[in-house]
mmCIF file of all heavy atoms, coordinates in Angstrom:
data_MODEL
# 
_entry.id   MODEL 
# 
loop_
_atom_site.group_PDB 
_atom_site.id 
_atom_site.type_symbol 
_atom_site.label_atom_id 
_atom_site.label_alt_id 
_atom_site.label_comp_id 
_atom_site.label_asym_id 
_atom_site.label_entity_id 
_atom_site.label_seq_id 
_atom_site.pdbx_PDB_ins_code 
_atom_site.Cartn_x 
_atom_site.Cartn_y 
_atom_site.Cartn_z 
_atom_site.occupancy 
_atom_site.B_iso_or_equiv 
_atom_site.pdbx_formal_charge 
_atom_site.auth_seq_id 
_atom_site.auth_comp_id 
_atom_site.auth_asym_id 
_atom_site.auth_atom_id 
_atom_site.pdbx_PDB_model_num 
ATOM 1   N N   . ILE A 1 1  ? 93.733 95.769  111.749 1.00 0.00 ? 1  ILE A N   1 
ATOM 2   C CA  . ILE A 1 1  ? 94.060 95.712  110.327 1.00 0.00 ? 1  ILE A CA  1 
ATOM 3   C C   . ILE A 1 1  ? 92.762 95.538  109.535 1.00 0.00 ? 1  ILE A C   1 
ATOM 4   O O   . ILE A 1 1  ? 91.920 94.716  109.894 1.00 0.00 ? 1  ILE A O   1 
ATOM 5   C CB  . ILE A 1 1  ? 95.014 94.533  110.036 1.00 0.00 ? 1  ILE A CB  1 
ATOM 6   C CG1 . ILE A 1 1  ? 96.302 94.681  110.848 1.00 0.00 ? 1  ILE A CG1 1 
ATOM 7   C CG2 . ILE A 1 1  ? 95.303 94.421  108.538 1.00 0.00 ? 1  ILE A CG2 1 
ATOM 8   C CD1 . ILE A 1 1  ? 97.186 93.443  110.876 1.00 0.00 ? 1  ILE A CD1 1 
ATOM 9   N N   . VAL A 1 2  ? 92.613 96.307  108.476 1.00 0.00 ? 2  VAL A N   1 
ATOM 10  C CA  . VAL A 1 2  ? 91.480 96.155  107.569 1.00 0.00 ? 2  VAL A CA  1 
ATOM 11  C C   . VAL A 1 2  ? 91.924 95.211  106.455 1.00 0.00 ? 2  VAL A C   1 
ATOM 12  O O   . VAL A 1 2  ? 92.984 95.396  105.862 1.00 0.00 ? 2  VAL A O   1 
ATOM 13  C CB  . VAL A 1 2  ? 91.049 97.525  106.999 1.00 0.00 ? 2  VAL A CB  1 
ATOM 14  C CG1 . VAL A 1 2  ? 90.031 97.352  105.898 1.00 0.00 ? 2  VAL A CG1 1 
ATOM 15  C CG2 . VAL A 1 2  ? 90.509 98.407  108.111 1.00 0.00 ? 2  VAL A CG2 1 
ATOM 16  N N   . GLU A 1 3  ? 91.102 94.186  106.190 1.00 0.00 ? 3  GLU A N   1 
ATOM 17  C CA  . GLU A 1 3  ? 91.457 93.185  105.189 1.00 0.00 ? 3  GLU A CA  1 
ATOM 18  C C   . GLU A 1 3  ? 90.353 93.055  104.154 1.00 0.00 ? 3  GLU A C   1 
ATOM 19  O O   . GLU A 1 3  ? 89.179 92.885  104.496 1.00 0.00 ? 3  GLU A O   1 
ATOM 20  C CB  . GLU A 1 3  ? 91.680 91.829  105.864 1.00 0.00 ? 3  GLU A CB  1 
ATOM 21  C CG  . GLU A 1 3  ? 92.063 90.736  104.899 1.00 0.00 ? 3  GLU A CG  1 
ATOM 22  C CD  . GLU A 1 3  ? 92.348 89.414  105.585 1.00 0.00 ? 3  GLU A CD  1 
ATOM 23  O OE1 . GLU A 1 3  ? 92.114 89.273  106.798 1.00 0.00 ? 3  GLU A OE1 1 
ATOM 24  O OE2 . GLU A 1 3  ? 92.805 88.501  104.876 1.00 0.00 ? 3  GLU A OE2 1 
ATOM 25  N N   . GLY A 1 4  ? 90.719 93.138  102.899 1.00 0.00 ? 4  GLY A N   1 
ATOM 26  C CA  . GLY A 1 4  ? 89.764 92.928  101.812 1.00 0.00 ? 4  GLY A CA  1 
ATOM 27  C C   . GLY A 1 4  ? 89.384 91.468  101.715 1.00 0.00 ? 4  GLY A C   1 
ATOM 28  O O   . GLY A 1 4  ? 90.150 90.593  102.112 1.00 0.00 ? 4  GLY A O   1 
ATOM 29  N N   . ASP A 1 5  ? 88.193 91.205  101.217 1.00 0.00 ? 5  ASP A N   1 
ATOM 30  C CA  . ASP A 1 5  ? 87.757 89.827  100.993 1.00 0.00 ? 5  ASP A CA  1 
ATOM 31  C C   . ASP A 1 5  ? 88.508 89.270  99.791  1.00 0.00 ? 5  ASP A C   1 
ATOM 32  O O   . ASP A 1 5  ? 88.408 89.823  98.693  1.00 0.00 ? 5  ASP A O   1 
ATOM 33  C CB  . ASP A 1 5  ? 86.259 89.759  100.712 1.00 0.00 ? 5  ASP A CB  1 
ATOM 34  C CG  . ASP A 1 5  ? 85.414 90.014  101.945 1.00 0.00 ? 5  ASP A CG  1 
ATOM 35  O OD1 . ASP A 1 5  ? 85.936 89.869  103.062 1.00 0.00 ? 5  ASP A OD1 1 
ATOM 36  O OD2 . ASP A 1 5  ? 84.233 90.361  101.786 1.00 0.00 ? 5  ASP A OD2 1 
ATOM 37  N N   . ALA A 1 6  ? 89.251 88.196  99.995  1.00 0.00 ? 6  ALA A N   1 
ATOM 38  C CA  . ALA A 1 6  ? 89.986 87.574  98.892  1.00 0.00 ? 6  ALA A CA  1 
ATOM 39  C C   . ALA A 1 6  ? 89.003 87.172  97.801  1.00 0.00 ? 6  ALA A C   1 
ATOM 40  O O   . ALA A 1 6  ? 87.954 86.605  98.071  1.00 0.00 ? 6  ALA A O   1 
ATOM 41  C CB  . ALA A 1 6  ? 90.755 86.354  99.393  1.00 0.00 ? 6  ALA A CB  1 
ATOM 42  N N   . GLY A 1 7  ? 89.326 87.519  96.570  1.00 0.00 ? 7  GLY A N   1 
ATOM 43  C CA  . GLY A 1 7  ? 88.493 87.163  95.434  1.00 0.00 ? 7  GLY A CA  1 
ATOM 44  C C   . GLY A 1 7  ? 87.404 88.164  95.101  1.00 0.00 ? 7  GLY A C   1 
ATOM 45  O O   . GLY A 1 7  ? 86.716 88.002  94.109  1.00 0.00 ? 7  GLY A O   1 
ATOM 46  N N   . GLU A 1 8  ? 87.237 89.207  95.922  1.00 0.00 ? 8  GLU A N   1 
ATOM 47  C CA  . GLU A 1 8  ? 86.180 90.194  95.704  1.00 0.00 ? 8  GLU A CA  1 
ATOM 48  C C   . GLU A 1 8  ? 86.764 91.545  95.287  1.00 0.00 ? 8  GLU A C   1 
ATOM 49  O O   . GLU A 1 8  ? 87.725 92.010  95.887  1.00 0.00 ? 8  GLU A O   1 
ATOM 50  C CB  . GLU A 1 8  ? 85.359 90.397  96.979  1.00 0.00 ? 8  GLU A CB  1 
ATOM 51  C CG  . GLU A 1 8  ? 84.593 89.172  97.408  1.00 0.00 ? 8  GLU A CG  1 
ATOM 52  C CD  . GLU A 1 8  ? 83.528 88.773  96.416  1.00 0.00 ? 8  GLU A CD  1 
ATOM 53  O OE1 . GLU A 1 8  ? 82.864 89.673  95.849  1.00 0.00 ? 8  GLU A OE1 1 
ATOM 54  O OE2 . GLU A 1 8  ? 83.358 87.561  96.193  1.00 0.00 ? 8  GLU A OE2 1 
ATOM 55  N N   . PRO A 1 9  ? 86.167 92.202  94.288  1.00 0.00 ? 9  PRO A N   1 
ATOM 56  C CA  . PRO A 1 9  ? 86.645 93.536  93.914  1.00 0.00 ? 9  PRO A CA  1 
ATOM 57  C C   . PRO A 1 9  ? 86.352 94.544  95.023  1.00 0.00 ? 9  PRO A C   1 
ATOM 58  O O   . PRO A 1 9  ? 85.302 94.485  95.654  1.00 0.00 ? 9  PRO A O   1 
ATOM 59  C CB  . PRO A 1 9  ? 85.853 93.877  92.654  1.00 0.00 ? 9  PRO A CB  1 
ATOM 60  C CG  . PRO A 1 9  ? 84.923 92.759  92.408  1.00 0.00 ? 9  PRO A CG  1 
ATOM 61  C CD  . PRO A 1 9  ? 85.098 91.723  93.451  1.00 0.00 ? 9  PRO A CD  1 
ATOM 62  N N   . LEU A 1 10 ? 87.275 95.426  95.262  1.00 0.00 ? 10 LEU A N   1 
ATOM 63  C CA  . LEU A 1 10 ? 87.092 96.495  96.243  1.00 0.00 ? 10 LEU A CA  1 
ATOM 64  C C   . LEU A 1 10 ? 87.416 97.836  95.596  1.00 0.00 ? 10 LEU A C   1 
ATOM 65  O O   . LEU A 1 10 ? 86.626 98.766  95.656  1.00 0.00 ? 10 LEU A O   1 
ATOM 66  C CB  . LEU A 1 10 ? 87.985 96.259  97.469  1.00 0.00 ? 10 LEU A CB  1 
ATOM 67  C CG  . LEU A 1 10 ? 87.933 97.320  98.553  1.00 0.00 ? 10 LEU A CG  1 
ATOM 68  C CD1 . LEU A 1 10 ? 86.549 97.396  99.192  1.00 0.00 ? 10 LEU A CD1 1 
ATOM 69  C CD2 . LEU A 1 10 ? 88.987 97.018  99.620  1.00 0.00 ? 10 LEU A CD2 1 
ATOM 70  N N   . ILE A 1 11 ? 88.585 97.905  94.947  1.00 0.00 ? 11 ILE A N   1 
ATOM 71  C CA  . ILE A 1 11 ? 89.009 99.124  94.269  1.00 0.00 ? 11 ILE A CA  1 
ATOM 72  C C   . ILE A 1 11 ? 89.007 98.826  92.765  1.00 0.00 ? 11 ILE A C   1 
ATOM 73  O O   . ILE A 1 11 ? 89.989 98.346  92.224  1.00 0.00 ? 11 ILE A O   1 
ATOM 74  C CB  . ILE A 1 11 ? 90.414 99.568  94.753  1.00 0.00 ? 11 ILE A CB  1 
ATOM 75  C CG1 . ILE A 1 11 ? 90.407 99.782  96.257  1.00 0.00 ? 11 ILE A CG1 1 
ATOM 76  C CG2 . ILE A 1 11 ? 90.853 100.831 94.012  1.00 0.00 ? 11 ILE A CG2 1 
ATOM 77  C CD1 . ILE A 1 11 ? 91.793 100.060 96.855  1.00 0.00 ? 11 ILE A CD1 1 
ATOM 78  N N   . ARG A 1 12 ? 87.884 99.093  92.121  1.00 0.00 ? 12 ARG A N   1 
ATOM 79  C CA  . ARG A 1 12 ? 87.767 98.831  90.680  1.00 0.00 ? 12 ARG A CA  1 
ATOM 80  C C   . ARG A 1 12 ? 88.362 99.966  89.860  1.00 0.00 ? 12 ARG A C   1 
ATOM 81  O O   . ARG A 1 12 ? 88.866 99.758  88.776  1.00 0.00 ? 12 ARG A O   1 
ATOM 82  C CB  . ARG A 1 12 ? 86.316 98.640  90.286  1.00 0.00 ? 12 ARG A CB  1 
ATOM 83  C CG  . ARG A 1 12 ? 85.710 97.402  90.874  1.00 0.00 ? 12 ARG A CG  1 
ATOM 84  C CD  . ARG A 1 12 ? 84.261 97.281  90.549  1.00 0.00 ? 12 ARG A CD  1 
ATOM 85  N NE  . ARG A 1 12 ? 83.671 96.214  91.338  1.00 0.00 ? 12 ARG A NE  1 
ATOM 86  C CZ  . ARG A 1 12 ? 82.694 95.465  90.913  1.00 0.00 ? 12 ARG A CZ  1 
ATOM 87  N NH1 . ARG A 1 12 ? 82.175 95.655  89.723  1.00 0.00 ? 12 ARG A NH1 1 
ATOM 88  N NH2 . ARG A 1 12 ? 82.205 94.523  91.677  1.00 0.00 ? 12 ARG A NH2 1 
ATOM 89  N N   . ARG A 1 13 ? 88.236 101.188 90.385  1.00 0.00 ? 13 ARG A N   1 
ATOM 90  C CA  . ARG A 1 13 ? 88.825 102.395 89.778  1.00 0.00 ? 13 ARG A CA  1 
ATOM 91  C C   . ARG A 1 13 ? 89.630 103.074 90.875  1.00 0.00 ? 13 ARG A C   1 
ATOM 92  O O   . ARG A 1 13 ? 89.354 102.878 92.057  1.00 0.00 ? 13 ARG A O   1 
ATOM 93  C CB  . ARG A 1 13 ? 87.725 103.356 89.304  1.00 0.00 ? 13 ARG A CB  1 
ATOM 94  C CG  . ARG A 1 13 ? 86.761 102.785 88.319  1.00 0.00 ? 13 ARG A CG  1 
ATOM 95  C CD  . ARG A 1 13 ? 85.567 103.720 88.079  1.00 0.00 ? 13 ARG A CD  1 
ATOM 96  N NE  . ARG A 1 13 ? 84.952 104.055 89.367  1.00 0.00 ? 13 ARG A NE  1 
ATOM 97  C CZ  . ARG A 1 13 ? 84.559 105.280 89.733  1.00 0.00 ? 13 ARG A CZ  1 
ATOM 98  N NH1 . ARG A 1 13 ? 84.680 106.288 88.921  1.00 0.00 ? 13 ARG A NH1 1 
ATOM 99  N NH2 . ARG A 1 13 ? 84.017 105.503 90.910  1.00 0.00 ? 13 ARG A NH2 1 
ATOM 100 N N   . THR A 1 14 ? 90.577 103.877 90.518  1.00 0.00 ? 14 THR A N   1 
ATOM 101 C CA  . THR A 1 14 ? 91.417 104.515 91.545  1.00 0.00 ? 14 THR A CA  1 
ATOM 102 C C   . THR A 1 14 ? 90.586 105.355 92.509  1.00 0.00 ? 14 THR A C   1 
ATOM 103 O O   . THR A 1 14 ? 90.927 105.452 93.687  1.00 0.00 ? 14 THR A O   1 
ATOM 104 C CB  . THR A 1 14 ? 92.531 105.373 90.908  1.00 0.00 ? 14 THR A CB  1 
ATOM 105 O OG1 . THR A 1 14 ? 91.940 106.353 90.054  1.00 0.00 ? 14 THR A OG1 1 
ATOM 106 C CG2 . THR A 1 14 ? 93.497 104.504 90.123  1.00 0.00 ? 14 THR A CG2 1 
ATOM 107 N N   . ASP A 1 15 ? 89.461 105.927 92.045  1.00 0.00 ? 15 ASP A N   1 
ATOM 108 C CA  . ASP A 1 15 ? 88.595 106.707 92.932  1.00 0.00 ? 15 ASP A CA  1 
ATOM 109 C C   . ASP A 1 15 ? 87.968 105.851 94.030  1.00 0.00 ? 15 ASP A C   1 
ATOM 110 O O   . ASP A 1 15 ? 87.549 106.377 95.063  1.00 0.00 ? 15 ASP A O   1 
ATOM 111 C CB  . ASP A 1 15 ? 87.487 107.399 92.136  1.00 0.00 ? 15 ASP A CB  1 
ATOM 112 C CG  . ASP A 1 15 ? 88.008 108.526 91.267  1.00 0.00 ? 15 ASP A CG  1 
ATOM 113 O OD1 . ASP A 1 15 ? 89.148 108.986 91.494  1.00 0.00 ? 15 ASP A OD1 1 
ATOM 114 O OD2 . ASP A 1 15 ? 87.284 108.941 90.348  1.00 0.00 ? 15 ASP A OD2 1 
ATOM 115 N N   . ASP A 1 16 ? 87.899 104.554 93.814  1.00 0.00 ? 16 ASP A N   1 
ATOM 116 C CA  . ASP A 1 16 ? 87.331 103.652 94.814  1.00 0.00 ? 16 ASP A CA  1 
ATOM 117 C C   . ASP A 1 16 ? 88.239 103.470 96.030  1.00 0.00 ? 16 ASP A C   1 
ATOM 118 O O   . ASP A 1 16 ? 87.841 102.814 96.998  1.00 0.00 ? 16 ASP A O   1 
ATOM 119 C CB  . ASP A 1 16 ? 87.043 102.279 94.201  1.00 0.00 ? 16 ASP A CB  1 
ATOM 120 C CG  . ASP A 1 16 ? 85.942 102.303 93.165  1.00 0.00 ? 16 ASP A CG  1 
ATOM 121 O OD1 . ASP A 1 16 ? 85.129 103.256 93.180  1.00 0.00 ? 16 ASP A OD1 1 
ATOM 122 O OD2 . ASP A 1 16 ? 85.896 101.371 92.339  1.00 0.00 ? 16 ASP A OD2 1 
ATOM 123 N N   . THR A 1 17 ? 89.417 104.038 95.992  1.00 0.00 ? 17 THR A N   1 
ATOM 124 C CA  . THR A 1 17 ? 90.317 103.962 97.144  1.00 0.00 ? 17 THR A CA  1 
ATOM 125 C C   . THR A 1 17 ? 89.634 104.540 98.381  1.00 0.00 ? 17 THR A C   1 
ATOM 126 O O   . THR A 1 17 ? 89.930 104.128 99.503  1.00 0.00 ? 17 THR A O   1 
ATOM 127 C CB  . THR A 1 17 ? 91.638 104.713 96.849  1.00 0.00 ? 17 THR A CB  1 
ATOM 128 O OG1 . THR A 1 17 ? 92.189 104.197 95.638  1.00 0.00 ? 17 THR A OG1 1 
ATOM 129 C CG2 . THR A 1 17 ? 92.650 104.526 97.966  1.00 0.00 ? 17 THR A CG2 1 
ATOM 130 N N   . ALA A 1 18 ? 88.698 105.441 98.171  1.00 0.00 ? 18 ALA A N   1 
ATOM 131 C CA  . ALA A 1 18 ? 87.941 106.021 99.290  1.00 0.00 ? 18 ALA A CA  1 
ATOM 132 C C   . ALA A 1 18 ? 87.227 104.942 100.098 1.00 0.00 ? 18 ALA A C   1 
ATOM 133 O O   . ALA A 1 18 ? 87.079 105.084 101.316 1.00 0.00 ? 18 ALA A O   1 
ATOM 134 C CB  . ALA A 1 18 ? 86.942 107.049 98.766  1.00 0.00 ? 18 ALA A CB  1 
ATOM 135 N N   . ARG A 1 19 ? 86.801 103.859 99.463  1.00 0.00 ? 19 ARG A N   1 
ATOM 136 C CA  . ARG A 1 19 ? 86.151 102.761 100.187 1.00 0.00 ? 19 ARG A CA  1 
ATOM 137 C C   . ARG A 1 19 ? 87.102 102.147 101.210 1.00 0.00 ? 19 ARG A C   1 
ATOM 138 O O   . ARG A 1 19 ? 86.707 101.853 102.343 1.00 0.00 ? 19 ARG A O   1 
ATOM 139 C CB  . ARG A 1 19 ? 85.674 101.687 99.222  1.00 0.00 ? 19 ARG A CB  1 
ATOM 140 C CG  . ARG A 1 19 ? 84.573 102.162 98.289  1.00 0.00 ? 19 ARG A CG  1 
ATOM 141 C CD  . ARG A 1 19 ? 84.140 101.083 97.329  1.00 0.00 ? 19 ARG A CD  1 
ATOM 142 N NE  . ARG A 1 19 ? 83.443 100.027 98.074  1.00 0.00 ? 19 ARG A NE  1 
ATOM 143 C CZ  . ARG A 1 19 ? 83.278 98.812  97.607  1.00 0.00 ? 19 ARG A CZ  1 
ATOM 144 N NH1 . ARG A 1 19 ? 83.743 98.470  96.418  1.00 0.00 ? 19 ARG A NH1 1 
ATOM 145 N NH2 . ARG A 1 19 ? 82.625 97.903  98.314  1.00 0.00 ? 19 ARG A NH2 1 
ATOM 146 N N   . LEU A 1 20 ? 88.353 101.954 100.805 1.00 0.00 ? 20 LEU A N   1 
ATOM 147 C CA  . LEU A 1 20 ? 89.343 101.400 101.724 1.00 0.00 ? 20 LEU A CA  1 
ATOM 148 C C   . LEU A 1 20 ? 89.655 102.399 102.828 1.00 0.00 ? 20 LEU A C   1 
ATOM 149 O O   . LEU A 1 20 ? 89.751 102.032 103.995 1.00 0.00 ? 20 LEU A O   1 
ATOM 150 C CB  . LEU A 1 20 ? 90.611 101.001 100.975 1.00 0.00 ? 20 LEU A CB  1 
ATOM 151 C CG  . LEU A 1 20 ? 91.739 100.424 101.831 1.00 0.00 ? 20 LEU A CG  1 
ATOM 152 C CD1 . LEU A 1 20 ? 91.272 99.174  102.571 1.00 0.00 ? 20 LEU A CD1 1 
ATOM 153 C CD2 . LEU A 1 20 ? 92.958 100.128 100.972 1.00 0.00 ? 20 LEU A CD2 1 
ATOM 154 N N   . LEU A 1 21 ? 89.801 103.659 102.462 1.00 0.00 ? 21 LEU A N   1 
ATOM 155 C CA  . LEU A 1 21 ? 90.061 104.690 103.472 1.00 0.00 ? 21 LEU A CA  1 
ATOM 156 C C   . LEU A 1 21 ? 88.925 104.760 104.492 1.00 0.00 ? 21 LEU A C   1 
ATOM 157 O O   . LEU A 1 21 ? 89.172 104.846 105.704 1.00 0.00 ? 21 LEU A O   1 
ATOM 158 C CB  . LEU A 1 21 ? 90.266 106.050 102.813 1.00 0.00 ? 21 LEU A CB  1 
ATOM 159 C CG  . LEU A 1 21 ? 91.573 106.223 102.052 1.00 0.00 ? 21 LEU A CG  1 
ATOM 160 C CD1 . LEU A 1 21 ? 91.557 107.515 101.253 1.00 0.00 ? 21 LEU A CD1 1 
ATOM 161 C CD2 . LEU A 1 21 ? 92.765 106.187 103.009 1.00 0.00 ? 21 LEU A CD2 1 
ATOM 162 N N   . GLU A 1 22 ? 87.681 104.722 104.031 1.00 0.00 ? 22 GLU A N   1 
ATOM 163 C CA  . GLU A 1 22 ? 86.536 104.751 104.932 1.00 0.00 ? 22 GLU A CA  1 
ATOM 164 C C   . GLU A 1 22 ? 86.561 103.572 105.897 1.00 0.00 ? 22 GLU A C   1 
ATOM 165 O O   . GLU A 1 22 ? 86.270 103.723 107.084 1.00 0.00 ? 22 GLU A O   1 
ATOM 166 C CB  . GLU A 1 22 ? 85.227 104.762 104.141 1.00 0.00 ? 22 GLU A CB  1 
ATOM 167 C CG  . GLU A 1 22 ? 84.976 106.062 103.422 1.00 0.00 ? 22 GLU A CG  1 
ATOM 168 C CD  . GLU A 1 22 ? 83.816 105.978 102.430 1.00 0.00 ? 22 GLU A CD  1 
ATOM 169 O OE1 . GLU A 1 22 ? 83.104 104.942 102.394 1.00 0.00 ? 22 GLU A OE1 1 
ATOM 170 O OE2 . GLU A 1 22 ? 83.631 106.952 101.684 1.00 0.00 ? 22 GLU A OE2 1 
ATOM 171 N N   . ALA A 1 23 ? 86.911 102.399 105.377 1.00 0.00 ? 23 ALA A N   1 
ATOM 172 C CA  . ALA A 1 23 ? 86.995 101.214 106.233 1.00 0.00 ? 23 ALA A CA  1 
ATOM 173 C C   . ALA A 1 23 ? 88.087 101.382 107.286 1.00 0.00 ? 23 ALA A C   1 
ATOM 174 O O   . ALA A 1 23 ? 87.900 101.027 108.450 1.00 0.00 ? 23 ALA A O   1 
ATOM 175 C CB  . ALA A 1 23 ? 87.249 99.970  105.385 1.00 0.00 ? 23 ALA A CB  1 
ATOM 176 N N   . CYS A 1 24 ? 89.221 101.954 106.883 1.00 0.00 ? 24 CYS A N   1 
ATOM 177 C CA  . CYS A 1 24 ? 90.314 102.188 107.827 1.00 0.00 ? 24 CYS A CA  1 
ATOM 178 C C   . CYS A 1 24 ? 89.910 103.212 108.886 1.00 0.00 ? 24 CYS A C   1 
ATOM 179 O O   . CYS A 1 24 ? 90.163 103.021 110.078 1.00 0.00 ? 24 CYS A O   1 
ATOM 180 C CB  . CYS A 1 24 ? 91.574 102.647 107.092 1.00 0.00 ? 24 CYS A CB  1 
ATOM 181 S SG  . CYS A 1 24 ? 92.376 101.340 106.137 1.00 0.00 ? 24 CYS A SG  1 
ATOM 182 N N   . PHE A 1 25 ? 89.269 104.300 108.460 1.00 0.00 ? 25 PHE A N   1 
ATOM 183 C CA  . PHE A 1 25 ? 88.821 105.316 109.416 1.00 0.00 ? 25 PHE A CA  1 
ATOM 184 C C   . PHE A 1 25 ? 87.825 104.715 110.398 1.00 0.00 ? 25 PHE A C   1 
ATOM 185 O O   . PHE A 1 25 ? 87.903 104.947 111.606 1.00 0.00 ? 25 PHE A O   1 
ATOM 186 C CB  . PHE A 1 25 ? 88.161 106.498 108.710 1.00 0.00 ? 25 PHE A CB  1 
ATOM 187 C CG  . PHE A 1 25 ? 89.071 107.263 107.785 1.00 0.00 ? 25 PHE A CG  1 
ATOM 188 C CD1 . PHE A 1 25 ? 88.543 107.974 106.724 1.00 0.00 ? 25 PHE A CD1 1 
ATOM 189 C CD2 . PHE A 1 25 ? 90.445 107.271 107.946 1.00 0.00 ? 25 PHE A CD2 1 
ATOM 190 C CE1 . PHE A 1 25 ? 89.357 108.687 105.853 1.00 0.00 ? 25 PHE A CE1 1 
ATOM 191 C CE2 . PHE A 1 25 ? 91.276 107.965 107.089 1.00 0.00 ? 25 PHE A CE2 1 
ATOM 192 C CZ  . PHE A 1 25 ? 90.725 108.676 106.041 1.00 0.00 ? 25 PHE A CZ  1 
# 
Protein backbone atom coordinates (compact mmCIF):
# COMPACT_ATOMS: atom_id res chain seq x y z
CA ILE A 1 0.00 0.00 0.00
CA VAL A 2 1.26 3.48 -0.86
CA GLU A 3 0.55 5.96 1.94
CA GLY A 4 0.80 9.73 1.83
CA ASP A 5 2.52 11.55 4.66
CA ALA A 6 -0.21 12.84 6.98
CA GLY A 7 -0.16 16.62 7.04
CA GLU A 8 1.88 16.98 3.82
CA PRO A 9 0.54 18.13 0.43
CA LEU A 10 0.85 15.54 -2.32
CA ILE A 11 -1.85 16.37 -4.87
CA ARG A 12 -2.10 20.17 -4.92
CA ARG A 13 -3.65 20.25 -8.42
CA THR A 14 -5.47 17.43 -10.17
CA ASP A 15 -2.48 17.04 -12.53
CA ASP A 16 -0.39 16.08 -9.50
CA THR A 17 -2.24 12.77 -9.37
CA ALA A 18 0.65 11.51 -11.51
CA ARG A 19 2.85 11.68 -8.39
CA LEU A 20 0.61 9.18 -6.64
CA LEU A 21 0.42 6.98 -9.73
CA GLU A 22 4.22 6.99 -10.04
CA ALA A 23 4.54 5.95 -6.40
CA CYS A 24 2.05 3.12 -6.95
CA PHE A 25 3.84 1.94 -10.10
